[in-house]
């Protein structure tokens, strides 16, 4: 995988995570079943990201490992602030 493909995949997950977090904070936070609505929105985002990522990269073990690592790190980075917000309310 070349550097540009890696950068596109990382930037894509960052942009999508920020967009999902902003949507959560603006429209979902503080309403009934906020956590479940966030989960459904986040799963949709993850599926879109995965499909686009698989289109961009070559199908090798190294690239699959890179996608898994990006997914885990991206998930941690979005779930921590959302869980903190939900626990506050």
PDB file of N, CA and C in Angstrom:
ATOM      1  N   UNK A   1       0.852  -1.167   0.000  1.00  0.00           N
ATOM      2  CA  UNK A   1       0.000   0.000   0.000  1.00  0.00           C
ATOM      3  C   UNK A   1       0.897   1.228   0.000  1.00  0.00           C
ATOM      4  N   UNK A   2       0.542   2.173  -0.799  1.00  0.00           N
ATOM      5  CA  UNK A   2       1.370   3.366  -0.814  1.00  0.00           C
ATOM      6  C   UNK A   2       0.903   4.365   0.235  1.00  0.00           C
ATOM      7  N   UNK A   3       1.695   5.383   0.436  1.00  0.00           N
ATOM      8  CA  UNK A   3       1.460   6.359   1.498  1.00  0.00           C
ATOM      9  C   UNK A   3       0.156   7.127   1.284  1.00  0.00           C
ATOM     10  N   UNK A   4      -0.151   7.468   0.062  1.00  0.00           N
ATOM     11  CA  UNK A   4      -1.362   8.247  -0.232  1.00  0.00           C
ATOM     12  C   UNK A   4      -2.615   7.452   0.137  1.00  0.00           C
ATOM     13  N   UNK A   5      -2.636   6.166  -0.182  1.00  0.00           N
ATOM     14  CA  UNK A   5      -3.788   5.332   0.184  1.00  0.00           C
ATOM     15  C   UNK A   5      -3.955   5.269   1.702  1.00  0.00           C
ATOM     16  N   UNK A   6      -2.847   5.107   2.407  1.00  0.00           N
ATOM     17  CA  UNK A   6      -2.892   5.067   3.870  1.00  0.00           C
ATOM     18  C   UNK A   6      -3.414   6.382   4.427  1.00  0.00           C
ATOM     19  N   UNK A   7      -2.926   7.464   3.878  1.00  0.00           N
ATOM     20  CA  UNK A   7      -3.353   8.791   4.336  1.00  0.00           C
ATOM     21  C   UNK A   7      -4.841   9.011   4.067  1.00  0.00           C
ATOM     22  N   UNK A   8      -5.317   8.581   2.922  1.00  0.00           N
ATOM     23  CA  UNK A   8      -6.743   8.716   2.592  1.00  0.00           C
ATOM     24  C   UNK A   8      -7.589   7.930   3.582  1.00  0.00           C
ATOM     25  N   UNK A   9      -7.184   6.717   3.904  1.00  0.00           N
ATOM     26  CA  UNK A   9      -7.951   5.878   4.831  1.00  0.00           C
ATOM     27  C   UNK A   9      -7.973   6.503   6.226  1.00  0.00           C
ATOM     28  N   UNK A  10      -6.836   6.994   6.691  1.00  0.00           N
ATOM     29  CA  UNK A  10      -6.772   7.625   8.012  1.00  0.00           C
ATOM     30  C   UNK A  10      -7.595   8.906   8.042  1.00  0.00           C
ATOM     31  N   UNK A  11      -7.456   9.732   7.026  1.00  0.00           N
ATOM     32  CA  UNK A  11      -8.221  10.986   6.992  1.00  0.00           C
ATOM     33  C   UNK A  11      -9.715  10.721   6.881  1.00  0.00           C
ATOM     34  N   UNK A  12     -10.081   9.700   6.140  1.00  0.00           N
ATOM     35  CA  UNK A  12     -11.491   9.357   5.987  1.00  0.00           C
ATOM     36  C   UNK A  12     -12.108   8.959   7.319  1.00  0.00           C
ATOM     37  N   UNK A  13     -11.411   8.142   8.091  1.00  0.00           N
ATOM     38  CA  UNK A  13     -11.977   7.741   9.384  1.00  0.00           C
ATOM     39  C   UNK A  13     -12.005   8.919  10.354  1.00  0.00           C
ATOM     40  N   UNK A  14     -11.014   9.799  10.292  1.00  0.00           N
ATOM     41  CA  UNK A  14     -11.028  10.976  11.157  1.00  0.00           C
ATOM     42  C   UNK A  14     -12.186  11.905  10.814  1.00  0.00           C
ATOM     43  N   UNK A  15     -12.375  12.163   9.537  1.00  0.00           N
ATOM     44  CA  UNK A  15     -13.463  13.048   9.104  1.00  0.00           C
ATOM     45  C   UNK A  15     -14.825  12.453   9.445  1.00  0.00           C
ATOM     46  N   UNK A  16     -14.996  11.166   9.192  1.00  0.00           N
ATOM     47  CA  UNK A  16     -16.273  10.526   9.504  1.00  0.00           C
ATOM     48  C   UNK A  16     -16.525  10.479  11.013  1.00  0.00           C
ATOM     49  N   UNK A  17     -15.485  10.239  11.810  1.00  0.00           N
ATOM     50  CA  UNK A  17     -15.648  10.235  13.262  1.00  0.00           C
ATOM     51  C   UNK A  17     -16.047  11.616  13.776  1.00  0.00           C
ATOM     52  N   UNK A  18     -15.410  12.646  13.264  1.00  0.00           N
ATOM     53  CA  UNK A  18     -15.763  14.008  13.681  1.00  0.00           C
ATOM     54  C   UNK A  18     -17.198  14.331  13.278  1.00  0.00           C
ATOM     55  N   UNK A  19     -17.584  13.941  12.075  1.00  0.00           N
ATOM     56  CA  UNK A  19     -18.950  14.205  11.618  1.00  0.00           C
ATOM     57  C   UNK A  19     -19.976  13.465  12.479  1.00  0.00           C
ATOM     58  N   UNK A  20     -19.708  12.207  12.797  1.00  0.00           N
ATOM     59  CA  UNK A  20     -20.632  11.432  13.639  1.00  0.00           C
ATOM     60  C   UNK A  20     -20.700  12.032  15.034  1.00  0.00           C
ATOM     61  N   UNK A  21     -19.562  12.440  15.589  1.00  0.00           N
ATOM     62  CA  UNK A  21     -19.566  13.038  16.921  1.00  0.00           C
ATOM     63  C   UNK A  21     -20.336  14.345  16.939  1.00  0.00           C
ATOM     64  N   UNK A  22     -20.169  15.164  15.907  1.00  0.00           N
ATOM     65  CA  UNK A  22     -20.909  16.427  15.835  1.00  0.00           C
ATOM     66  C   UNK A  22     -22.407  16.177  15.692  1.00  0.00           C
ATOM     67  N   UNK A  23     -22.782  15.206  14.875  1.00  0.00           N
ATOM     68  CA  UNK A  23     -24.200  14.855  14.747  1.00  0.00           C
ATOM     69  C   UNK A  23     -24.755  14.348  16.075  1.00  0.00           C
ATOM     70  N   UNK A  24     -23.978  13.540  16.771  1.00  0.00           N
ATOM     71  CA  UNK A  24     -24.405  13.034  18.065  1.00  0.00           C
ATOM     72  C   UNK A  24     -24.614  14.175  19.048  1.00  0.00           C
ATOM     73  N   UNK A  25     -23.628  15.055  19.129  1.00  0.00           N
ATOM     74  CA  UNK A  25     -23.692  16.132  20.105  1.00  0.00           C
ATOM     75  C   UNK A  25     -24.824  17.113  19.799  1.00  0.00           C
ATOM     76  N   UNK A  26     -25.079  17.362  18.529  1.00  0.00           N
ATOM     77  CA  UNK A  26     -26.085  18.359  18.150  1.00  0.00           C
ATOM     78  C   UNK A  26     -27.499  17.796  18.165  1.00  0.00           C
ATOM     79  N   UNK A  27     -27.694  16.585  17.667  1.00  0.00           N
ATOM     80  CA  UNK A  27     -29.052  16.084  17.465  1.00  0.00           C
ATOM     81  C   UNK A  27     -29.462  14.932  18.383  1.00  0.00           C
ATOM     82  N   UNK A  28     -28.524  14.147  18.869  1.00  0.00           N
ATOM     83  CA  UNK A  28     -28.883  12.929  19.596  1.00  0.00           C
ATOM     84  C   UNK A  28     -28.667  13.070  21.100  1.00  0.00           C
ATOM     85  N   UNK A  29     -27.627  13.778  21.508  1.00  0.00           N
ATOM     86  CA  UNK A  29     -27.270  13.878  22.920  1.00  0.00           C
ATOM     87  C   UNK A  29     -28.413  14.497  23.731  1.00  0.00           C
ATOM     88  N   UNK A  30     -28.732  13.863  24.837  1.00  0.00           N
ATOM     89  CA  UNK A  30     -29.761  14.368  25.728  1.00  0.00           C
ATOM     90  C   UNK A  30     -31.156  13.858  25.437  1.00  0.00           C
ATOM     91  N   UNK A  31     -31.311  13.094  24.394  1.00  0.00           N
ATOM     92  CA  UNK A  31     -32.618  12.544  24.053  1.00  0.00           C
ATOM     93  C   UNK A  31     -32.713  11.098  24.529  1.00  0.00           C
ATOM     94  N   UNK A  32     -33.913  10.568  24.467  1.00  0.00           N
ATOM     95  CA  UNK A  32     -34.133   9.182  24.884  1.00  0.00           C
ATOM     96  C   UNK A  32     -33.364   8.231  23.959  1.00  0.00           C
ATOM     97  N   UNK A  33     -32.788   7.226  24.544  1.00  0.00           N
ATOM     98  CA  UNK A  33     -32.016   6.200  23.821  1.00  0.00           C
ATOM     99  C   UNK A  33     -30.881   6.800  22.993  1.00  0.00           C
ATOM    100  N   UNK A  34     -30.194   7.779  23.552  1.00  0.00           N
ATOM    101  CA  UNK A  34     -29.098   8.436  22.834  1.00  0.00           C
ATOM    102  C   UNK A  34     -27.983   7.449  22.492  1.00  0.00           C
ATOM    103  N   UNK A  35     -27.686   6.546  23.403  1.00  0.00           N
ATOM    104  CA  UNK A  35     -26.597   5.588  23.164  1.00  0.00           C
ATOM    105  C   UNK A  35     -26.936   4.646  22.015  1.00  0.00           C
ATOM    106  N   UNK A  36     -28.157   4.162  21.971  1.00  0.00           N
ATOM    107  CA  UNK A  36     -28.550   3.245  20.891  1.00  0.00           C
ATOM    108  C   UNK A  36     -28.587   3.952  19.545  1.00  0.00           C
ATOM    109  N   UNK A  37     -29.036   5.189  19.539  1.00  0.00           N
ATOM    110  CA  UNK A  37     -29.042   5.960  18.288  1.00  0.00           C
ATOM    111  C   UNK A  37     -27.618   6.221  17.818  1.00  0.00           C
ATOM    112  N   UNK A  38     -26.725   6.519  18.769  1.00  0.00           N
ATOM    113  CA  UNK A  38     -25.330   6.706  18.410  1.00  0.00           C
ATOM    114  C   UNK A  38     -24.734   5.429  17.833  1.00  0.00           C
ATOM    115  N   UNK A  39     -25.023   4.305  18.465  1.00  0.00           N
ATOM    116  CA  UNK A  39     -24.489   3.029  17.976  1.00  0.00           C
ATOM    117  C   UNK A  39     -24.947   2.729  16.554  1.00  0.00           C
ATOM    118  N   UNK A  40     -26.207   2.970  16.272  1.00  0.00           N
ATOM    119  CA  UNK A  40     -26.688   2.705  14.912  1.00  0.00           C
ATOM    120  C   UNK A  40     -26.042   3.656  13.910  1.00  0.00           C
ATOM    121  N   UNK A  41     -25.874   4.907  14.285  1.00  0.00           N
ATOM    122  CA  UNK A  41     -25.209   5.872  13.409  1.00  0.00           C
ATOM    123  C   UNK A  41     -23.741   5.492  13.207  1.00  0.00           C
ATOM    124  N   UNK A  42     -23.083   5.069  14.280  1.00  0.00           N
ATOM    125  CA  UNK A  42     -21.670   4.722  14.194  1.00  0.00           C
ATOM    126  C   UNK A  42     -21.443   3.446  13.389  1.00  0.00           C
ATOM    127  N   UNK A  43     -22.328   2.473  13.517  1.00  0.00           N
ATOM    128  CA  UNK A  43     -22.192   1.244  12.721  1.00  0.00           C
ATOM    129  C   UNK A  43     -22.355   1.556  11.238  1.00  0.00           C
ATOM    130  N   UNK A  44     -23.291   2.442  10.916  1.00  0.00           N
ATOM    131  CA  UNK A  44     -23.467   2.850   9.513  1.00  0.00           C
ATOM    132  C   UNK A  44     -22.210   3.534   8.997  1.00  0.00           C
ATOM    133  N   UNK A  45     -21.641   4.394   9.812  1.00  0.00           N
ATOM    134  CA  UNK A  45     -20.402   5.079   9.433  1.00  0.00           C
ATOM    135  C   UNK A  45     -19.278   4.075   9.222  1.00  0.00           C
ATOM    136  N   UNK A  46     -19.168   3.098  10.117  1.00  0.00           N
ATOM    137  CA  UNK A  46     -18.110   2.098   9.998  1.00  0.00           C
ATOM    138  C   UNK A  46     -18.251   1.256   8.730  1.00  0.00           C
ATOM    139  N   UNK A  47     -19.464   0.910   8.384  1.00  0.00           N
ATOM    140  CA  UNK A  47     -19.687   0.145   7.148  1.00  0.00           C
ATOM    141  C   UNK A  47     -19.303   0.950   5.911  1.00  0.00           C
ATOM    142  N   UNK A  48     -19.683   2.210   5.892  1.00  0.00           N
ATOM    143  CA  UNK A  48     -19.327   3.076   4.762  1.00  0.00           C
ATOM    144  C   UNK A  48     -17.812   3.210   4.664  1.00  0.00           C
ATOM    145  N   UNK A  49     -17.156   3.442   5.808  1.00  0.00           N
ATOM    146  CA  UNK A  49     -15.704   3.575   5.823  1.00  0.00           C
ATOM    147  C   UNK A  49     -15.022   2.296   5.355  1.00  0.00           C
ATOM    148  N   UNK A  50     -15.517   1.159   5.809  1.00  0.00           N
ATOM    149  CA  UNK A  50     -14.915  -0.118   5.432  1.00  0.00           C
ATOM    150  C   UNK A  50     -15.053  -0.376   3.931  1.00  0.00           C
ATOM    151  N   UNK A  51     -16.210  -0.119   3.381  1.00  0.00           N
ATOM    152  CA  UNK A  51     -16.417  -0.342   1.947  1.00  0.00           C
ATOM    153  C   UNK A  51     -15.496   0.548   1.129  1.00  0.00           C
ATOM    154  N   UNK A  52     -15.420   1.824   1.484  1.00  0.00           N
ATOM    155  CA  UNK A  52     -14.545   2.743   0.749  1.00  0.00           C
ATOM    156  C   UNK A  52     -13.084   2.334   0.906  1.00  0.00           C
ATOM    157  N   UNK A  53     -12.694   1.935   2.113  1.00  0.00           N
ATOM    158  CA  UNK A  53     -11.305   1.520   2.349  1.00  0.00           C
ATOM    159  C   UNK A  53     -10.946   0.283   1.543  1.00  0.00           C
ATOM    160  N   UNK A  54     -11.864  -0.665   1.472  1.00  0.00           N
ATOM    161  CA  UNK A  54     -11.594  -1.878   0.702  1.00  0.00           C
ATOM    162  C   UNK A  54     -11.527  -1.604  -0.797  1.00  0.00           C
ATOM    163  N   UNK A  55     -12.222  -0.608  -1.252  1.00  0.00           N
ATOM    164  CA  UNK A  55     -12.140  -0.224  -2.660  1.00  0.00           C
ATOM    165  C   UNK A  55     -10.777   0.407  -2.960  1.00  0.00           C
ATOM    166  N   UNK A  56     -10.268   1.190  -2.011  1.00  0.00           N
ATOM    167  CA  UNK A  56      -9.030   1.939  -2.227  1.00  0.00           C
ATOM    168  C   UNK A  56      -7.794   1.048  -2.205  1.00  0.00           C
ATOM    169  N   UNK A  57      -7.691   0.123  -1.263  1.00  0.00           N
ATOM    170  CA  UNK A  57      -6.435  -0.603  -1.055  1.00  0.00           C
ATOM    171  C   UNK A  57      -6.398  -1.933  -1.791  1.00  0.00           C
ATOM    172  N   UNK A  58      -5.180  -2.466  -1.877  1.00  0.00           N
ATOM    173  CA  UNK A  58      -4.993  -3.822  -2.385  1.00  0.00           C
ATOM    174  C   UNK A  58      -5.384  -4.802  -1.289  1.00  0.00           C
ATOM    175  N   UNK A  59      -5.851  -5.969  -1.702  1.00  0.00           N
ATOM    176  CA  UNK A  59      -6.306  -6.975  -0.731  1.00  0.00           C
ATOM    177  C   UNK A  59      -5.135  -7.871  -0.325  1.00  0.00           C
ATOM    178  N   UNK A  60      -4.360  -7.410   0.670  1.00  0.00           N
ATOM    179  CA  UNK A  60      -3.259  -8.205   1.217  1.00  0.00           C
ATOM    180  C   UNK A  60      -3.413  -8.278   2.727  1.00  0.00           C
ATOM    181  N   UNK A  61      -2.651  -9.171   3.354  1.00  0.00           N
ATOM    182  CA  UNK A  61      -2.719  -9.324   4.808  1.00  0.00           C
ATOM    183  C   UNK A  61      -2.263  -8.055   5.525  1.00  0.00           C
ATOM    184  N   UNK A  62      -1.225  -7.432   5.017  1.00  0.00           N
ATOM    185  CA  UNK A  62      -0.705  -6.223   5.654  1.00  0.00           C
ATOM    186  C   UNK A  62      -1.726  -5.095   5.606  1.00  0.00           C
ATOM    187  N   UNK A  63      -2.375  -4.954   4.473  1.00  0.00           N
ATOM    188  CA  UNK A  63      -3.381  -3.903   4.338  1.00  0.00           C
ATOM    189  C   UNK A  63      -4.601  -4.190   5.210  1.00  0.00           C
ATOM    190  N   UNK A  64      -4.977  -5.456   5.323  1.00  0.00           N
ATOM    191  CA  UNK A  64      -6.095  -5.812   6.190  1.00  0.00           C
ATOM    192  C   UNK A  64      -5.751  -5.500   7.639  1.00  0.00           C
ATOM    193  N   UNK A  65      -4.529  -5.796   8.052  1.00  0.00           N
ATOM    194  CA  UNK A  65      -4.088  -5.478   9.405  1.00  0.00           C
ATOM    195  C   UNK A  65      -4.110  -3.967   9.635  1.00  0.00           C
ATOM    196  N   UNK A  66      -3.696  -3.212   8.642  1.00  0.00           N
ATOM    197  CA  UNK A  66      -3.733  -1.751   8.742  1.00  0.00           C
ATOM    198  C   UNK A  66      -5.164  -1.250   8.927  1.00  0.00           C
ATOM    199  N   UNK A  67      -6.104  -1.805   8.180  1.00  0.00           N
ATOM    200  CA  UNK A  67      -7.506  -1.407   8.314  1.00  0.00           C
ATOM    201  C   UNK A  67      -8.038  -1.767   9.700  1.00  0.00           C
ATOM    202  N   UNK A  68      -7.690  -2.934  10.195  1.00  0.00           N
ATOM    203  CA  UNK A  68      -8.147  -3.346  11.532  1.00  0.00           C
ATOM    204  C   UNK A  68      -7.583  -2.413  12.602  1.00  0.00           C
ATOM    205  N   UNK A  69      -6.310  -2.079  12.497  1.00  0.00           N
ATOM    206  CA  UNK A  69      -5.697  -1.168  13.477  1.00  0.00           C
ATOM    207  C   UNK A  69      -6.346   0.209  13.406  1.00  0.00           C
ATOM    208  N   UNK A  70      -6.584   0.714  12.206  1.00  0.00           N
ATOM    209  CA  UNK A  70      -7.263   2.009  12.052  1.00  0.00           C
ATOM    210  C   UNK A  70      -8.664   1.963  12.644  1.00  0.00           C
ATOM    211  N   UNK A  71      -9.365   0.865  12.432  1.00  0.00           N
ATOM    212  CA  UNK A  71     -10.715   0.721  12.964  1.00  0.00           C
ATOM    213  C   UNK A  71     -10.722   0.732  14.484  1.00  0.00           C
ATOM    214  N   UNK A  72      -9.810  -0.016  15.092  1.00  0.00           N
ATOM    215  CA  UNK A  72      -9.752  -0.089  16.554  1.00  0.00           C
ATOM    216  C   UNK A  72      -9.396   1.277  17.150  1.00  0.00           C
ATOM    217  N   UNK A  73      -8.394   1.921  16.611  1.00  0.00           N
ATOM    218  CA  UNK A  73      -7.993   3.233  17.121  1.00  0.00           C
ATOM    219  C   UNK A  73      -9.107   4.259  16.901  1.00  0.00           C
ATOM    220  N   UNK A  74      -9.717   4.247  15.717  1.00  0.00           N
ATOM    221  CA  UNK A  74     -10.812   5.171  15.438  1.00  0.00           C
ATOM    222  C   UNK A  74     -12.003   4.941  16.348  1.00  0.00           C
ATOM    223  N   UNK A  75     -12.299   3.688  16.639  1.00  0.00           N
ATOM    224  CA  UNK A  75     -13.417   3.372  17.536  1.00  0.00           C
ATOM    225  C   UNK A  75     -13.143   3.855  18.946  1.00  0.00           C
ATOM    226  N   UNK A  76     -11.934   3.632  19.414  1.00  0.00           N
ATOM    227  CA  UNK A  76     -11.577   4.093  20.758  1.00  0.00           C
ATOM    228  C   UNK A  76     -11.688   5.610  20.835  1.00  0.00           C
ATOM    229  N   UNK A  77     -11.200   6.290  19.810  1.00  0.00           N
ATOM    230  CA  UNK A  77     -11.209   7.749  19.826  1.00  0.00           C
ATOM    231  C   UNK A  77     -12.613   8.343  19.795  1.00  0.00           C
ATOM    232  N   UNK A  78     -13.586   7.648  19.234  1.00  0.00           N
ATOM    233  CA  UNK A  78     -14.941   8.187  19.215  1.00  0.00           C
ATOM    234  C   UNK A  78     -15.759   7.710  20.413  1.00  0.00           C
ATOM    235  N   UNK A  79     -15.532   6.492  20.874  1.00  0.00           N
ATOM    236  CA  UNK A  79     -16.341   5.973  21.974  1.00  0.00           C
ATOM    237  C   UNK A  79     -16.012   6.627  23.312  1.00  0.00           C
ATOM    238  N   UNK A  80     -14.765   6.968  23.567  1.00  0.00           N
ATOM    239  CA  UNK A  80     -14.398   7.566  24.851  1.00  0.00           C
ATOM    240  C   UNK A  80     -15.146   8.878  25.107  1.00  0.00           C
ATOM    241  N   UNK A  81     -15.133   9.856  24.179  1.00  0.00           N
ATOM    242  CA  UNK A  81     -15.872  11.096  24.465  1.00  0.00           C
ATOM    243  C   UNK A  81     -17.390  10.889  24.528  1.00  0.00           C
ATOM    244  N   UNK A  82     -17.910   9.989  23.714  1.00  0.00           N
ATOM    245  CA  UNK A  82     -19.352   9.750  23.728  1.00  0.00           C
ATOM    246  C   UNK A  82     -19.768   9.107  25.050  1.00  0.00           C
ATOM    247  N   UNK A  83     -19.006   8.148  25.531  1.00  0.00           N
ATOM    248  CA  UNK A  83     -19.321   7.503  26.804  1.00  0.00           C
ATOM    249  C   UNK A  83     -19.227   8.510  27.946  1.00  0.00           C
ATOM    250  N   UNK A  84     -18.229   9.386  27.900  1.00  0.00           N
ATOM    251  CA  UNK A  84     -18.110  10.426  28.928  1.00  0.00           C
ATOM    252  C   UNK A  84     -19.331  11.343  28.920  1.00  0.00           C
ATOM    253  N   UNK A  85     -19.788  11.745  27.740  1.00  0.00           N
ATOM    254  CA  UNK A  85     -20.968  12.604  27.644  1.00  0.00           C
ATOM    255  C   UNK A  85     -22.221  11.900  28.149  1.00  0.00           C
ATOM    256  N   UNK A  86     -22.386  10.668  27.781  1.00  0.00           N
ATOM    257  CA  UNK A  86     -23.581   9.920  28.197  1.00  0.00           C
ATOM    258  C   UNK A  86     -23.561   9.698  29.711  1.00  0.00           C
ATOM    259  N   UNK A  87     -22.402   9.432  30.286  1.00  0.00           N
ATOM    260  CA  UNK A  87     -22.314   9.228  31.736  1.00  0.00           C
ATOM    261  C   UNK A  87     -22.561  10.524  32.508  1.00  0.00           C
ATOM    262  N   UNK A  88     -22.265  11.681  31.906  1.00  0.00           N
ATOM    263  CA  UNK A  88     -22.526  12.967  32.553  1.00  0.00           C
ATOM    264  C   UNK A  88     -24.016  13.222  32.716  1.00  0.00           C
ATOM    265  N   UNK A  89     -24.798  12.816  31.721  1.00  0.00           N
ATOM    266  CA  UNK A  89     -26.218  13.162  31.730  1.00  0.00           C
ATOM    267  C   UNK A  89     -27.048  12.238  32.575  1.00  0.00           C
TER     268      UNK A  89
END
